[in-house]
């Protein structure tokens, strides 16, 4: 469900950021998105997907719904994957 909502959020964000130009060819309006908006949407998507992954990992470990304070450290370890891989891998293998 969270992935579905994330996809809908990304699609709505791209639609909102789209610009249109009018053509003379059959009066067609062409919509486009500038590349910076695609980069911003991709980065937001990665951050939210990482947040959902951290929340799920901590919730499975605790066997209850995790609070933001509990999964913040896991989220930061996932963002900085070079350091966090060693600690997160051992936690995943325990599950």
Protein backbone atom coordinates (compact mmCIF):
# COMPACT_ATOMS: atom_id res chain seq x y z
CA UNK A 1 0.00 0.00 0.00
CA UNK A 2 2.83 2.39 0.82
CA UNK A 3 4.53 1.73 -2.52
CA UNK A 4 1.25 2.42 -4.32
CA UNK A 5 0.84 5.72 -2.48
CA UNK A 6 4.45 6.61 -3.27
CA UNK A 7 3.85 5.97 -6.97
CA UNK A 8 0.70 8.09 -6.94
CA UNK A 9 2.59 10.89 -5.14
CA UNK A 10 5.36 10.83 -7.78
CA UNK A 11 2.88 10.87 -10.64
CA UNK A 12 0.92 13.78 -9.15
CA UNK A 13 4.14 15.70 -8.52
CA UNK A 14 5.21 15.27 -12.14
CA UNK A 15 1.78 16.34 -13.41
CA UNK A 16 1.87 19.45 -11.24
CA UNK A 17 5.37 20.35 -12.46
CA UNK A 18 4.56 19.78 -16.15
CA UNK A 19 4.56 22.71 -18.52
CA UNK A 20 2.58 22.88 -21.74
CA UNK A 21 3.26 24.44 -25.11
CA UNK A 22 0.75 24.97 -27.88
CA UNK A 23 1.62 23.73 -31.35
CA UNK A 24 0.16 24.72 -34.68
CA UNK A 25 -0.12 21.12 -35.74
CA UNK A 26 -3.77 20.13 -35.17
CA UNK A 27 -3.81 22.43 -32.12
CA UNK A 28 -2.06 19.84 -29.98
CA UNK A 29 -0.77 20.90 -26.59
CA UNK A 30 2.47 19.15 -25.67
CA UNK A 31 3.34 18.71 -22.00
CA UNK A 32 6.91 18.28 -20.81
CA UNK A 33 8.82 18.22 -17.56
CA UNK A 34 12.19 19.91 -17.23
CA UNK A 35 15.00 17.55 -16.22
CA UNK A 36 15.57 19.12 -12.79
CA UNK A 37 12.04 18.16 -11.75
CA UNK A 38 12.71 14.56 -12.73
CA UNK A 39 15.87 14.55 -10.62
CA UNK A 40 14.04 16.08 -7.64
CA UNK A 41 11.21 13.55 -7.95
CA UNK A 42 13.70 10.67 -8.18
CA UNK A 43 15.57 11.84 -5.07
CA UNK A 44 12.31 12.24 -3.13
CA UNK A 45 11.25 8.76 -4.27
CA UNK A 46 14.52 7.26 -3.01
CA UNK A 47 14.28 9.03 0.34
CA UNK A 48 10.69 7.92 0.91
CA UNK A 49 11.44 4.34 -0.22
CA UNK A 50 14.42 4.20 2.16
CA UNK A 51 12.25 5.55 4.97
CA UNK A 52 9.62 2.86 4.32
CA UNK A 53 12.36 0.18 4.31
CA UNK A 54 13.80 1.40 7.60
CA UNK A 55 10.37 1.55 9.19
CA UNK A 56 9.58 -1.99 8.02
CA UNK A 57 12.89 -3.42 9.24
CA UNK A 58 12.55 -1.94 12.71
CA UNK A 59 8.88 -2.94 12.94
CA UNK A 60 9.75 -6.56 12.10
CA UNK A 61 12.56 -6.58 14.66
CA UNK A 62 10.34 -5.17 17.41
CA UNK A 63 7.23 -7.14 16.35
CA UNK A 64 5.13 -3.97 16.63
CA UNK A 65 4.70 -0.66 14.83
CA UNK A 66 7.91 1.35 15.16
CA UNK A 67 7.92 5.02 16.12
CA UNK A 68 9.93 7.57 14.12
CA UNK A 69 12.42 7.88 16.97
CA UNK A 70 13.11 4.13 16.77
CA UNK A 71 13.74 3.93 13.03
CA UNK A 72 15.60 7.23 12.54
CA UNK A 73 19.02 5.66 13.15
CA UNK A 74 18.26 2.80 10.74
CA UNK A 75 17.11 5.32 8.14
CA UNK A 76 20.35 7.28 8.44
CA UNK A 77 22.40 4.08 8.18
CA UNK A 78 20.53 3.18 5.00
CA UNK A 79 21.08 6.65 3.53
CA UNK A 80 24.82 6.44 4.23
CA UNK A 81 25.06 2.89 2.91
CA UNK A 82 28.86 2.72 2.89
CA UNK A 83 28.91 2.76 6.69
CA UNK A 84 25.50 1.28 7.35
CA UNK A 85 25.84 -1.90 5.27
CA UNK A 86 27.75 -3.79 7.93
CA UNK A 87 25.28 -3.14 10.72
CA UNK A 88 22.11 -3.48 8.66
CA UNK A 89 23.24 -6.73 7.00
CA UNK A 90 23.72 -8.50 10.33
CA UNK A 91 20.29 -7.27 11.52
CA UNK A 92 18.61 -8.57 8.36
CA UNK A 93 20.33 -11.96 8.67
CA UNK A 94 18.97 -12.35 12.22
CA UNK A 95 15.44 -12.05 10.87
